[in-house]
Amino acid sequence: NSFSMFDTPYCKVGLGICYDIRFAEMAQVYGQKGCQLLIYPG
């Protein structure tokens, strides 16, 4: 029930898992929060 982001010295990263990638709103929130890389294990 939550978004997951973490900071690195390079950029902020947003996380999803597999089916999460189908939901564009989730990725848009990550973009708004400053993520420059999204990683989806799937």
Full PDB file with SEQRES, HELIX, SHEET, SSBOND, CRYST1, ORIGX, SCALE, CONECT and MASTER records, all heavy atoms in Angstrom:
SEQRES   1 A   42  ASN SER PHE SER MET PHE ASP THR PRO TYR CYS LYS VAL          
SEQRES   2 A   42  GLY LEU GLY ILE CYS TYR ASP ILE ARG PHE ALA GLU MET          
SEQRES   3 A   42  ALA GLN VAL TYR GLY GLN LYS GLY CYS GLN LEU LEU ILE          
SEQRES   4 A   42  TYR PRO GLY                                                  
HELIX    1 AA1 CYS A   18  ARG A   22  5                                   5    
HELIX    2 AA2 ALA A   24  GLN A   32  1                                   9    
SHEET    1 AA1 3 MET A   5  ASP A   7  0                                        
SHEET    2 AA1 3 LYS A  12  LEU A  15 -1                                        
SHEET    3 AA1 3 CYS A  35  ILE A  39  1                                        
CRYST1    1.000    1.000    1.000  90.00  90.00  90.00 P 1           1          
ORIGX1      1.000000  0.000000  0.000000        0.00000                         
ORIGX2      0.000000  1.000000  0.000000        0.00000                         
ORIGX3      0.000000  0.000000  1.000000        0.00000                         
SCALE1      1.000000  0.000000  0.000000        0.00000                         
SCALE2      0.000000  1.000000  0.000000        0.00000                         
SCALE3      0.000000  0.000000  1.000000        0.00000                         
ATOM      1  N   ASN A   1       0.808  -1.223   0.000  1.00  0.00           N  
ATOM      2  CA  ASN A   1       0.000   0.000   0.000  1.00  0.00           C  
ATOM      3  C   ASN A   1       0.839   1.268   0.000  1.00  0.00           C  
ATOM      4  O   ASN A   1       0.391   2.302   0.491  1.00  0.00           O  
ATOM      5  CB  ASN A   1      -0.928   0.009   1.226  1.00  0.00           C  
ATOM      6  CG  ASN A   1      -1.974  -1.086   1.166  1.00  0.00           C  
ATOM      7  OD1 ASN A   1      -2.694  -1.215   0.173  1.00  0.00           O  
ATOM      8  ND2 ASN A   1      -2.040  -1.903   2.200  1.00  0.00           N  
ATOM      9  N   SER A   2       2.043   1.206  -0.574  1.00  0.00           N  
ATOM     10  CA  SER A   2       2.875   2.411  -0.561  1.00  0.00           C  
ATOM     11  C   SER A   2       3.826   2.435  -1.749  1.00  0.00           C  
ATOM     12  O   SER A   2       4.147   1.402  -2.346  1.00  0.00           O  
ATOM     13  CB  SER A   2       3.674   2.483   0.743  1.00  0.00           C  
ATOM     14  OG  SER A   2       4.552   1.375   0.850  1.00  0.00           O  
ATOM     15  N   PHE A   3       4.252   3.645  -2.081  1.00  0.00           N  
ATOM     16  CA  PHE A   3       5.290   3.849  -3.075  1.00  0.00           C  
ATOM     17  C   PHE A   3       6.650   3.610  -2.413  1.00  0.00           C  
ATOM     18  O   PHE A   3       6.780   3.742  -1.199  1.00  0.00           O  
ATOM     19  CB  PHE A   3       5.237   5.279  -3.615  1.00  0.00           C  
ATOM     20  CG  PHE A   3       3.985   5.597  -4.384  1.00  0.00           C  
ATOM     21  CD1 PHE A   3       2.837   6.036  -3.730  1.00  0.00           C  
ATOM     22  CD2 PHE A   3       3.953   5.458  -5.764  1.00  0.00           C  
ATOM     23  CE1 PHE A   3       1.685   6.337  -4.438  1.00  0.00           C  
ATOM     24  CE2 PHE A   3       2.807   5.751  -6.480  1.00  0.00           C  
ATOM     25  CZ  PHE A   3       1.668   6.188  -5.819  1.00  0.00           C  
ATOM     26  N   SER A   4       7.645   3.284  -3.228  1.00  0.00           N  
ATOM     27  CA  SER A   4       8.970   2.996  -2.672  1.00  0.00           C  
ATOM     28  C   SER A   4      10.035   3.682  -3.522  1.00  0.00           C  
ATOM     29  O   SER A   4      10.169   3.395  -4.715  1.00  0.00           O  
ATOM     30  CB  SER A   4       9.223   1.489  -2.642  1.00  0.00           C  
ATOM     31  OG  SER A   4       8.210   0.825  -1.901  1.00  0.00           O  
ATOM     32  N   MET A   5      10.783   4.577  -2.901  1.00  0.00           N  
ATOM     33  CA  MET A   5      11.866   5.302  -3.557  1.00  0.00           C  
ATOM     34  C   MET A   5      13.098   5.260  -2.665  1.00  0.00           C  
ATOM     35  O   MET A   5      12.990   5.133  -1.455  1.00  0.00           O  
ATOM     36  CB  MET A   5      11.465   6.763  -3.799  1.00  0.00           C  
ATOM     37  CG  MET A   5      10.321   6.955  -4.769  1.00  0.00           C  
ATOM     38  SD  MET A   5       9.596   8.619  -4.686  1.00  0.00           S  
ATOM     39  CE  MET A   5       8.308   8.359  -3.439  1.00  0.00           C  
ATOM     40  N   PHE A   6      14.268   5.363  -3.287  1.00  0.00           N  
ATOM     41  CA  PHE A   6      15.489   5.478  -2.502  1.00  0.00           C  
ATOM     42  C   PHE A   6      16.480   6.367  -3.232  1.00  0.00           C  
ATOM     43  O   PHE A   6      16.448   6.495  -4.462  1.00  0.00           O  
ATOM     44  CB  PHE A   6      16.095   4.111  -2.189  1.00  0.00           C  
ATOM     45  CG  PHE A   6      16.602   3.343  -3.385  1.00  0.00           C  
ATOM     46  CD1 PHE A   6      17.935   3.383  -3.744  1.00  0.00           C  
ATOM     47  CD2 PHE A   6      15.723   2.560  -4.139  1.00  0.00           C  
ATOM     48  CE1 PHE A   6      18.405   2.661  -4.839  1.00  0.00           C  
ATOM     49  CE2 PHE A   6      16.187   1.833  -5.226  1.00  0.00           C  
ATOM     50  CZ  PHE A   6      17.528   1.885  -5.577  1.00  0.00           C  
ATOM     51  N   ASP A   7      17.332   7.011  -2.456  1.00  0.00           N  
ATOM     52  CA  ASP A   7      18.327   7.937  -3.003  1.00  0.00           C  
ATOM     53  C   ASP A   7      19.676   7.253  -3.153  1.00  0.00           C  
ATOM     54  O   ASP A   7      20.072   6.420  -2.329  1.00  0.00           O  
ATOM     55  CB  ASP A   7      18.478   9.156  -2.089  1.00  0.00           C  
ATOM     56  CG  ASP A   7      17.252  10.049  -2.113  1.00  0.00           C  
ATOM     57  OD1 ASP A   7      16.835  10.447  -3.216  1.00  0.00           O  
ATOM     58  OD2 ASP A   7      16.714  10.352  -1.026  1.00  0.00           O  
ATOM     59  N   THR A   8      20.385   7.603  -4.217  1.00  0.00           N  
ATOM     60  CA  THR A   8      21.775   7.218  -4.417  1.00  0.00           C  
ATOM     61  C   THR A   8      22.551   8.502  -4.693  1.00  0.00           C  
ATOM     62  O   THR A   8      21.944   9.555  -4.928  1.00  0.00           O  
ATOM     63  CB  THR A   8      21.930   6.260  -5.622  1.00  0.00           C  
ATOM     64  OG1 THR A   8      21.790   7.009  -6.837  1.00  0.00           O  
ATOM     65  CG2 THR A   8      20.908   5.138  -5.576  1.00  0.00           C  
ATOM     66  N   PRO A   9      23.882   8.461  -4.699  1.00  0.00           N  
ATOM     67  CA  PRO A   9      24.642   9.659  -5.063  1.00  0.00           C  
ATOM     68  C   PRO A   9      24.422  10.064  -6.519  1.00  0.00           C  
ATOM     69  O   PRO A   9      24.789  11.175  -6.917  1.00  0.00           O  
ATOM     70  CB  PRO A   9      26.104   9.233  -4.841  1.00  0.00           C  
ATOM     71  CG  PRO A   9      26.036   8.059  -3.942  1.00  0.00           C  
ATOM     72  CD  PRO A   9      24.761   7.362  -4.278  1.00  0.00           C  
ATOM     73  N   TYR A  10      23.815   9.178  -7.304  1.00  0.00           N  
ATOM     74  CA  TYR A  10      23.645   9.418  -8.732  1.00  0.00           C  
ATOM     75  C   TYR A  10      22.276  10.014  -9.041  1.00  0.00           C  
ATOM     76  O   TYR A  10      22.172  11.021  -9.737  1.00  0.00           O  
ATOM     77  CB  TYR A  10      23.831   8.109  -9.504  1.00  0.00           C  
ATOM     78  CG  TYR A  10      24.935   7.254  -8.944  1.00  0.00           C  
ATOM     79  CD1 TYR A  10      24.655   6.044  -8.295  1.00  0.00           C  
ATOM     80  CD2 TYR A  10      26.264   7.666  -9.013  1.00  0.00           C  
ATOM     81  CE1 TYR A  10      25.667   5.266  -7.761  1.00  0.00           C  
ATOM     82  CE2 TYR A  10      27.279   6.889  -8.476  1.00  0.00           C  
ATOM     83  CZ  TYR A  10      26.975   5.686  -7.837  1.00  0.00           C  
ATOM     84  OH  TYR A  10      27.972   4.924  -7.294  1.00  0.00           O  
ATOM     85  N   CYS A  11      21.228   9.399  -8.513  1.00  0.00           N  
ATOM     86  CA  CYS A  11      19.870   9.876  -8.747  1.00  0.00           C  
ATOM     87  C   CYS A  11      18.925   9.173  -7.796  1.00  0.00           C  
ATOM     88  O   CYS A  11      19.300   8.226  -7.110  1.00  0.00           O  
ATOM     89  CB  CYS A  11      19.438   9.634 -10.197  1.00  0.00           C  
ATOM     90  SG  CYS A  11      19.206   7.892 -10.635  1.00  0.00           S  
ATOM     91  N   LYS A  12      17.690   9.655  -7.775  1.00  0.00           N  
ATOM     92  CA  LYS A  12      16.639   8.981  -7.003  1.00  0.00           C  
ATOM     93  C   LYS A  12      16.029   7.881  -7.876  1.00  0.00           C  
ATOM     94  O   LYS A  12      15.835   8.062  -9.076  1.00  0.00           O  
ATOM     95  CB  LYS A  12      15.558   9.977  -6.568  1.00  0.00           C  
ATOM     96  CG  LYS A  12      14.422   9.350  -5.757  1.00  0.00           C  
ATOM     97  CD  LYS A  12      13.408  10.377  -5.301  1.00  0.00           C  
ATOM     98  CE  LYS A  12      13.927  11.160  -4.113  1.00  0.00           C  
ATOM     99  NZ  LYS A  12      12.851  12.001  -3.505  1.00  0.00           N  
ATOM    100  N   VAL A  13      15.714   6.734  -7.258  1.00  0.00           N  
ATOM    101  CA  VAL A  13      15.203   5.569  -7.973  1.00  0.00           C  
ATOM    102  C   VAL A  13      13.831   5.198  -7.430  1.00  0.00           C  
ATOM    103  O   VAL A  13      13.614   5.169  -6.207  1.00  0.00           O  
ATOM    104  CB  VAL A  13      16.170   4.374  -7.820  1.00  0.00           C  
ATOM    105  CG1 VAL A  13      15.649   3.157  -8.590  1.00  0.00           C  
ATOM    106  CG2 VAL A  13      17.579   4.750  -8.286  1.00  0.00           C  
ATOM    107  N   GLY A  14      12.893   4.898  -8.325  1.00  0.00           N  
ATOM    108  CA  GLY A  14      11.571   4.432  -7.947  1.00  0.00           C  
ATOM    109  C   GLY A  14      11.414   2.959  -8.257  1.00  0.00           C  
ATOM    110  O   GLY A  14      11.958   2.461  -9.255  1.00  0.00           O  
ATOM    111  N   LEU A  15      10.660   2.248  -7.415  1.00  0.00           N  
ATOM    112  CA  LEU A  15      10.516   0.802  -7.543  1.00  0.00           C  
ATOM    113  C   LEU A  15       9.081   0.378  -7.833  1.00  0.00           C  
ATOM    114  O   LEU A  15       8.129   0.913  -7.260  1.00  0.00           O  
ATOM    115  CB  LEU A  15      10.945   0.104  -6.247  1.00  0.00           C  
ATOM    116  CG  LEU A  15      12.417   0.148  -5.849  1.00  0.00           C  
ATOM    117  CD1 LEU A  15      12.577  -0.491  -4.475  1.00  0.00           C  
ATOM    118  CD2 LEU A  15      13.265  -0.572  -6.877  1.00  0.00           C  
ATOM    119  N   GLY A  16       8.958  -0.609  -8.710  1.00  0.00           N  
ATOM    120  CA  GLY A  16       7.704  -1.324  -8.911  1.00  0.00           C  
ATOM    121  C   GLY A  16       8.042  -2.779  -9.130  1.00  0.00           C  
ATOM    122  O   GLY A  16       9.209  -3.133  -9.331  1.00  0.00           O  
ATOM    123  N   ILE A  17       7.041  -3.641  -9.107  1.00  0.00           N  
ATOM    124  CA  ILE A  17       7.258  -5.063  -9.374  1.00  0.00           C  
ATOM    125  C   ILE A  17       6.292  -5.515 -10.461  1.00  0.00           C  
ATOM    126  O   ILE A  17       5.072  -5.428 -10.280  1.00  0.00           O  
ATOM    127  CB  ILE A  17       7.066  -5.921  -8.108  1.00  0.00           C  
ATOM    128  CG1 ILE A  17       8.079  -5.541  -7.024  1.00  0.00           C  
ATOM    129  CG2 ILE A  17       7.197  -7.409  -8.441  1.00  0.00           C  
ATOM    130  CD1 ILE A  17       7.888  -6.280  -5.702  1.00  0.00           C  
ATOM    131  N   CYS A  18       6.833  -5.935 -11.577  1.00  0.00           N  
ATOM    132  CA  CYS A  18       6.115  -6.617 -12.648  1.00  0.00           C  
ATOM    133  C   CYS A  18       4.809  -5.912 -13.045  1.00  0.00           C  
ATOM    134  O   CYS A  18       4.834  -4.910 -13.750  1.00  0.00           O  
ATOM    135  CB  CYS A  18       5.878  -8.069 -12.248  1.00  0.00           C  
ATOM    136  SG  CYS A  18       5.534  -9.163 -13.663  1.00  0.00           S  
ATOM    137  N   TYR A  19       3.678  -6.392 -12.577  1.00  0.00           N  
ATOM    138  CA  TYR A  19       2.362  -5.873 -12.971  1.00  0.00           C  
ATOM    139  C   TYR A  19       2.213  -4.388 -12.638  1.00  0.00           C  
ATOM    140  O   TYR A  19       1.424  -3.687 -13.280  1.00  0.00           O  
ATOM    141  CB  TYR A  19       1.291  -6.699 -12.260  1.00  0.00           C  
ATOM    142  CG  TYR A  19      -0.099  -6.640 -12.839  1.00  0.00           C  
ATOM    143  CD1 TYR A  19      -0.339  -6.796 -14.199  1.00  0.00           C  
ATOM    144  CD2 TYR A  19      -1.206  -6.466 -12.009  1.00  0.00           C  
ATOM    145  CE1 TYR A  19      -1.613  -6.768 -14.721  1.00  0.00           C  
ATOM    146  CE2 TYR A  19      -2.495  -6.437 -12.518  1.00  0.00           C  
ATOM    147  CZ  TYR A  19      -2.693  -6.583 -13.880  1.00  0.00           C  
ATOM    148  OH  TYR A  19      -3.969  -6.560 -14.391  1.00  0.00           O  
ATOM    149  N   ASP A  20       2.986  -3.884 -11.677  1.00  0.00           N  
ATOM    150  CA  ASP A  20       2.946  -2.460 -11.342  1.00  0.00           C  
ATOM    151  C   ASP A  20       3.240  -1.584 -12.554  1.00  0.00           C  
ATOM    152  O   ASP A  20       2.775  -0.439 -12.626  1.00  0.00           O  
ATOM    153  CB  ASP A  20       3.965  -2.123 -10.241  1.00  0.00           C  
ATOM    154  CG  ASP A  20       3.558  -2.615  -8.858  1.00  0.00           C  
ATOM    155  OD1 ASP A  20       2.359  -2.876  -8.631  1.00  0.00           O  
ATOM    156  OD2 ASP A  20       4.457  -2.736  -7.993  1.00  0.00           O  
ATOM    157  N   ILE A  21       4.021  -2.086 -13.521  1.00  0.00           N  
ATOM    158  CA  ILE A  21       4.414  -1.264 -14.664  1.00  0.00           C  
ATOM    159  C   ILE A  21       3.225  -0.906 -15.548  1.00  0.00           C  
ATOM    160  O   ILE A  21       3.271   0.066 -16.309  1.00  0.00           O  
ATOM    161  CB  ILE A  21       5.514  -1.968 -15.496  1.00  0.00           C  
ATOM    162  CG1 ILE A  21       6.253  -0.960 -16.376  1.00  0.00           C  
ATOM    163  CG2 ILE A  21       4.952  -3.115 -16.311  1.00  0.00           C  
ATOM    164  CD1 ILE A  21       7.472  -1.518 -17.087  1.00  0.00           C  
ATOM    165  N   ARG A  22       2.145  -1.666 -15.461  1.00  0.00           N  
ATOM    166  CA  ARG A  22       0.974  -1.382 -16.296  1.00  0.00           C  
ATOM    167  C   ARG A  22       0.191  -0.156 -15.811  1.00  0.00           C  
ATOM    168  O   ARG A  22      -0.695   0.331 -16.532  1.00  0.00           O  
ATOM    169  CB  ARG A  22       0.035  -2.590 -16.332  1.00  0.00           C  
ATOM    170  CG  ARG A  22       0.582  -3.761 -17.141  1.00  0.00           C  
ATOM    171  CD  ARG A  22      -0.454  -4.852 -17.303  1.00  0.00           C  
ATOM    172  NE  ARG A  22       0.050  -5.979 -18.081  1.00  0.00           N  
ATOM    173  CZ  ARG A  22      -0.006  -6.072 -19.408  1.00  0.00           C  
ATOM    174  NH1 ARG A  22      -0.561  -5.092 -20.108  1.00  0.00           N  
ATOM    175  NH2 ARG A  22       0.480  -7.134 -20.021  1.00  0.00           N  
ATOM    176  N   PHE A  23       0.506   0.340 -14.645  1.00  0.00           N  
ATOM    177  CA  PHE A  23      -0.277   1.426 -14.049  1.00  0.00           C  
ATOM    178  C   PHE A  23       0.536   2.718 -14.153  1.00  0.00           C  
ATOM    179  O   PHE A  23       1.430   3.001 -13.352  1.00  0.00           O  
ATOM    180  CB  PHE A  23      -0.660   1.064 -12.617  1.00  0.00           C  
ATOM    181  CG  PHE A  23      -1.530  -0.170 -12.576  1.00  0.00           C  
ATOM    182  CD1 PHE A  23      -0.955  -1.442 -12.552  1.00  0.00           C  
ATOM    183  CD2 PHE A  23      -2.910  -0.067 -12.646  1.00  0.00           C  
ATOM    184  CE1 PHE A  23      -1.744  -2.590 -12.573  1.00  0.00           C  
ATOM    185  CE2 PHE A  23      -3.709  -1.209 -12.664  1.00  0.00           C  
ATOM    186  CZ  PHE A  23      -3.127  -2.463 -12.636  1.00  0.00           C  
ATOM    187  N   ALA A  24       0.175   3.510 -15.173  1.00  0.00           N  
ATOM    188  CA  ALA A  24       0.951   4.701 -15.522  1.00  0.00           C  
ATOM    189  C   ALA A  24       0.981   5.718 -14.388  1.00  0.00           C  
ATOM    190  O   ALA A  24       1.960   6.462 -14.236  1.00  0.00           O  
ATOM    191  CB  ALA A  24       0.372   5.340 -16.782  1.00  0.00           C  
ATOM    192  N   GLU A  25      -0.088   5.763 -13.587  1.00  0.00           N  
ATOM    193  CA  GLU A  25      -0.154   6.751 -12.506  1.00  0.00           C  
ATOM    194  C   GLU A  25       0.985   6.561 -11.507  1.00  0.00           C  
ATOM    195  O   GLU A  25       1.525   7.538 -10.963  1.00  0.00           O  
ATOM    196  CB  GLU A  25      -1.500   6.659 -11.781  1.00  0.00           C  
ATOM    197  CG  GLU A  25      -2.716   6.956 -12.652  1.00  0.00           C  
ATOM    198  CD  GLU A  25      -3.232   5.738 -13.407  1.00  0.00           C  
ATOM    199  OE1 GLU A  25      -2.548   4.707 -13.434  1.00  0.00           O  
ATOM    200  OE2 GLU A  25      -4.332   5.842 -13.995  1.00  0.00           O  
ATOM    201  N   MET A  26       1.345   5.325 -11.254  1.00  0.00           N  
ATOM    202  CA  MET A  26       2.412   5.036 -10.299  1.00  0.00           C  
ATOM    203  C   MET A  26       3.742   5.623 -10.788  1.00  0.00           C  
ATOM    204  O   MET A  26       4.469   6.271 -10.034  1.00  0.00           O  
ATOM    205  CB  MET A  26       2.526   3.525 -10.111  1.00  0.00           C  
ATOM    206  CG  MET A  26       3.425   3.085  -8.977  1.00  0.00           C  
ATOM    207  SD  MET A  26       3.266   1.290  -8.723  1.00  0.00           S  
ATOM    208  CE  MET A  26       4.360   1.088  -7.337  1.00  0.00           C  
ATOM    209  N   ALA A  27       4.032   5.410 -12.068  1.00  0.00           N  
ATOM    210  CA  ALA A  27       5.258   5.959 -12.640  1.00  0.00           C  
ATOM    211  C   ALA A  27       5.227   7.491 -12.644  1.00  0.00           C  
ATOM    212  O   ALA A  27       6.254   8.148 -12.423  1.00  0.00           O  
ATOM    213  CB  ALA A  27       5.453   5.427 -14.058  1.00  0.00           C  
ATOM    214  N   GLN A  28       4.061   8.075 -12.878  1.00  0.00           N  
ATOM    215  CA  GLN A  28       3.947   9.538 -12.883  1.00  0.00           C  
ATOM    216  C   GLN A  28       4.239  10.115 -11.506  1.00  0.00           C  
ATOM    217  O   GLN A  28       4.898  11.153 -11.385  1.00  0.00           O  
ATOM    218  CB  GLN A  28       2.558   9.945 -13.354  1.00  0.00           C  
ATOM    219  CG  GLN A  28       2.322   9.713 -14.840  1.00  0.00           C  
ATOM    220  CD  GLN A  28       0.901  10.015 -15.255  1.00  0.00           C  
ATOM    221  OE1 GLN A  28       0.291  10.977 -14.792  1.00  0.00           O  
ATOM    222  NE2 GLN A  28       0.360   9.197 -16.141  1.00  0.00           N  
ATOM    223  N   VAL A  29       3.768   9.447 -10.471  1.00  0.00           N  
ATOM    224  CA  VAL A  29       4.077   9.905  -9.116  1.00  0.00           C  
ATOM    225  C   VAL A  29       5.583   9.866  -8.884  1.00  0.00           C  
ATOM    226  O   VAL A  29       6.171  10.815  -8.346  1.00  0.00           O  
ATOM    227  CB  VAL A  29       3.341   9.055  -8.064  1.00  0.00           C  
ATOM    228  CG1 VAL A  29       3.911   9.296  -6.667  1.00  0.00           C  
ATOM    229  CG2 VAL A  29       1.853   9.360  -8.080  1.00  0.00           C  
ATOM    230  N   TYR A  30       6.225   8.783  -9.291  1.00  0.00           N  
ATOM    231  CA  TYR A  30       7.676   8.697  -9.121  1.00  0.00           C  
ATOM    232  C   TYR A  30       8.380   9.839  -9.855  1.00  0.00           C  
ATOM    233  O   TYR A  30       9.332  10.432  -9.347  1.00  0.00           O  
ATOM    234  CB  TYR A  30       8.189   7.348  -9.626  1.00  0.00           C  
ATOM    235  CG  TYR A  30       7.933   6.199  -8.691  1.00  0.00           C  
ATOM    236  CD1 TYR A  30       7.579   4.941  -9.166  1.00  0.00           C  
ATOM    237  CD2 TYR A  30       8.064   6.344  -7.307  1.00  0.00           C  
ATOM    238  CE1 TYR A  30       7.358   3.861  -8.311  1.00  0.00           C  
ATOM    239  CE2 TYR A  30       7.840   5.278  -6.443  1.00  0.00           C  
ATOM    240  CZ  TYR A  30       7.488   4.051  -6.956  1.00  0.00           C  
ATOM    241  OH  TYR A  30       7.269   2.998  -6.098  1.00  0.00           O  
ATOM    242  N   GLY A  31       7.916  10.141 -11.061  1.00  0.00           N  
ATOM    243  CA  GLY A  31       8.496  11.253 -11.810  1.00  0.00           C  
ATOM    244  C   GLY A  31       8.317  12.579 -11.089  1.00  0.00           C  
ATOM    245  O   GLY A  31       9.249  13.387 -11.010  1.00  0.00           O  
ATOM    246  N   GLN A  32       7.127  12.801 -10.546  1.00  0.00           N  
ATOM    247  CA  GLN A  32       6.858  14.035  -9.799  1.00  0.00           C  
ATOM    248  C   GLN A  32       7.748  14.164  -8.575  1.00  0.00           C  
ATOM    249  O   GLN A  32       8.113  15.266  -8.163  1.00  0.00           O  
ATOM    250  CB  GLN A  32       5.391  14.074  -9.370  1.00  0.00           C  
ATOM    251  CG  GLN A  32       4.398  14.274 -10.496  1.00  0.00           C  
ATOM    252  CD  GLN A  32       2.958  14.156 -10.019  1.00  0.00           C  
ATOM    253  OE1 GLN A  32       2.691  13.949  -8.835  1.00  0.00           O  
ATOM    254  NE2 GLN A  32       2.024  14.276 -10.939  1.00  0.00           N  
ATOM    255  N   LYS A  33       8.103  13.040  -7.983  1.00  0.00           N  
ATOM    256  CA  LYS A  33       8.924  13.032  -6.766  1.00  0.00           C  
ATOM    257  C   LYS A  33      10.427  13.083  -7.067  1.00  0.00           C  
ATOM    258  O   LYS A  33      11.240  12.975  -6.153  1.00  0.00           O  
ATOM    259  CB  LYS A  33       8.596  11.799  -5.924  1.00  0.00           C  
ATOM    260  CG  LYS A  33       7.160  11.763  -5.395  1.00  0.00           C  
ATOM    261  CD  LYS A  33       6.888  12.920  -4.454  1.00  0.00           C  
ATOM    262  CE  LYS A  33       5.473  12.870  -3.913  1.00  0.00           C  
ATOM    263  NZ  LYS A  33       5.176  14.014  -2.997  1.00  0.00           N  
ATOM    264  N   GLY A  34      10.780  13.229  -8.331  1.00  0.00           N  
ATOM    265  CA  GLY A  34      12.181  13.423  -8.681  1.00  0.00           C  
ATOM    266  C   GLY A  34      12.947  12.190  -9.089  1.00  0.00           C  
ATOM    267  O   GLY A  34      14.168  12.247  -9.265  1.00  0.00           O  
ATOM    268  N   CYS A  35      12.273  11.046  -9.287  1.00  0.00           N  
ATOM    269  CA  CYS A  35      12.982   9.844  -9.727  1.00  0.00           C  
ATOM    270  C   CYS A  35      13.418   9.994 -11.188  1.00  0.00           C  
ATOM    271  O   CYS A  35      12.659  10.473 -12.031  1.00  0.00           O  
ATOM    272  CB  CYS A  35      12.087   8.613  -9.595  1.00  0.00           C  
ATOM    273  SG  CYS A  35      11.655   8.208  -7.883  1.00  0.00           S  
ATOM    274  N   GLN A  36      14.632   9.568 -11.468  1.00  0.00           N  
ATOM    275  CA  GLN A  36      15.155   9.602 -12.833  1.00  0.00           C  
ATOM    276  C   GLN A  36      15.384   8.198 -13.393  1.00  0.00           C  
ATOM    277  O   GLN A  36      15.650   8.038 -14.573  1.00  0.00           O  
ATOM    278  CB  GLN A  36      16.459  10.402 -12.869  1.00  0.00           C  
ATOM    279  CG  GLN A  36      16.242  11.881 -12.529  1.00  0.00           C  
ATOM    280  CD  GLN A  36      17.551  12.660 -12.490  1.00  0.00           C  
ATOM    281  OE1 GLN A  36      18.463  12.312 -11.742  1.00  0.00           O  
ATOM    282  NE2 GLN A  36      17.635  13.696 -13.289  1.00  0.00           N  
ATOM    283  N   LEU A  37      15.248   7.209 -12.545  1.00  0.00           N  
ATOM    284  CA  LEU A  37      15.364   5.806 -12.947  1.00  0.00           C  
ATOM    285  C   LEU A  37      14.261   5.025 -12.242  1.00  0.00           C  
ATOM    286  O   LEU A  37      14.087   5.148 -11.027  1.00  0.00           O  
ATOM    287  CB  LEU A  37      16.731   5.246 -12.552  1.00  0.00           C  
ATOM    288  CG  LEU A  37      16.935   3.725 -12.655  1.00  0.00           C  
ATOM    289  CD1 LEU A  37      16.817   3.248 -14.095  1.00  0.00           C  
ATOM    290  CD2 LEU A  37      18.294   3.328 -12.070  1.00  0.00           C  
ATOM    291  N   LEU A  38      13.504   4.250 -13.020  1.00  0.00           N  
ATOM    292  CA  LEU A  38      12.488   3.356 -12.466  1.00  0.00           C  
ATOM    293  C   LEU A  38      12.929   1.925 -12.741  1.00  0.00           C  
ATOM    294  O   LEU A  38      13.303   1.598 -13.871  1.00  0.00           O  
ATOM    295  CB  LEU A  38      11.112   3.601 -13.107  1.00  0.00           C  
ATOM    296  CG  LEU A  38      10.577   5.040 -13.070  1.00  0.00           C  
ATOM    297  CD1 LEU A  38       9.172   5.084 -13.664  1.00  0.00           C  
ATOM    298  CD2 LEU A  38      10.579   5.600 -11.661  1.00  0.00           C  
ATOM    299  N   ILE A  39      12.906   1.087 -11.717  1.00  0.00           N  
ATOM    300  CA  ILE A  39      13.318  -0.306 -11.864  1.00  0.00           C  
ATOM    301  C   ILE A  39      12.149  -1.215 -11.499  1.00  0.00           C  
ATOM    302  O   ILE A  39      11.558  -1.087 -10.423  1.00  0.00           O  
ATOM    303  CB  ILE A  39      14.537  -0.623 -10.987  1.00  0.00           C  
ATOM    304  CG1 ILE A  39      15.731   0.228 -11.443  1.00  0.00           C  
ATOM    305  CG2 ILE A  39      14.883  -2.112 -11.055  1.00  0.00           C  
ATOM    306  CD1 ILE A  39      17.012  -0.035 -10.673  1.00  0.00           C  
ATOM    307  N   TYR A  40      11.835  -2.114 -12.430  1.00  0.00           N  
ATOM    308  CA  TYR A  40      10.735  -3.062 -12.249  1.00  0.00           C  
ATOM    309  C   TYR A  40      11.263  -4.491 -12.394  1.00  0.00           C  
ATOM    310  O   TYR A  40      11.381  -4.998 -13.514  1.00  0.00           O  
ATOM    311  CB  TYR A  40       9.649  -2.856 -13.305  1.00  0.00           C  
ATOM    312  CG  TYR A  40       8.916  -1.537 -13.267  1.00  0.00           C  
ATOM    313  CD1 TYR A  40       9.383  -0.443 -13.986  1.00  0.00           C  
ATOM    314  CD2 TYR A  40       7.732  -1.389 -12.546  1.00  0.00           C  
ATOM    315  CE1 TYR A  40       8.699   0.765 -13.980  1.00  0.00           C  
ATOM    316  CE2 TYR A  40       7.035  -0.191 -12.535  1.00  0.00           C  
ATOM    317  CZ  TYR A  40       7.526   0.891 -13.256  1.00  0.00           C  
ATOM    318  OH  TYR A  40       6.840   2.086 -13.250  1.00  0.00           O  
ATOM    319  N   PRO A  41      11.617  -5.177 -11.305  1.00  0.00           N  
ATOM    320  CA  PRO A  41      11.808  -6.615 -11.412  1.00  0.00           C  
ATOM    321  C   PRO A  41      10.482  -7.230 -11.858  1.00  0.00           C  
ATOM    322  O   PRO A  41       9.415  -6.850 -11.346  1.00  0.00           O  
ATOM    323  CB  PRO A  41      12.165  -7.037  -9.988  1.00  0.00           C  
ATOM    324  CG  PRO A  41      12.610  -5.774  -9.305  1.00  0.00           C  
ATOM    325  CD  PRO A  41      11.821  -4.682  -9.923  1.00  0.00           C  
ATOM    326  N   GLY A  42      10.516  -8.129 -12.832  1.00  0.00           N  
ATOM    327  CA  GLY A  42       9.253  -8.650 -13.341  1.00  0.00           C  
ATOM    328  C   GLY A  42       9.413 -10.009 -13.986  1.00  0.00           C  
ATOM    329  O   GLY A  42      10.521 -10.417 -14.344  1.00  0.00           O  
TER     330      GLY A  42                                                      
MASTER        0    0    0    2    3    0    0    6  329    1    0    4          
END                                                                             
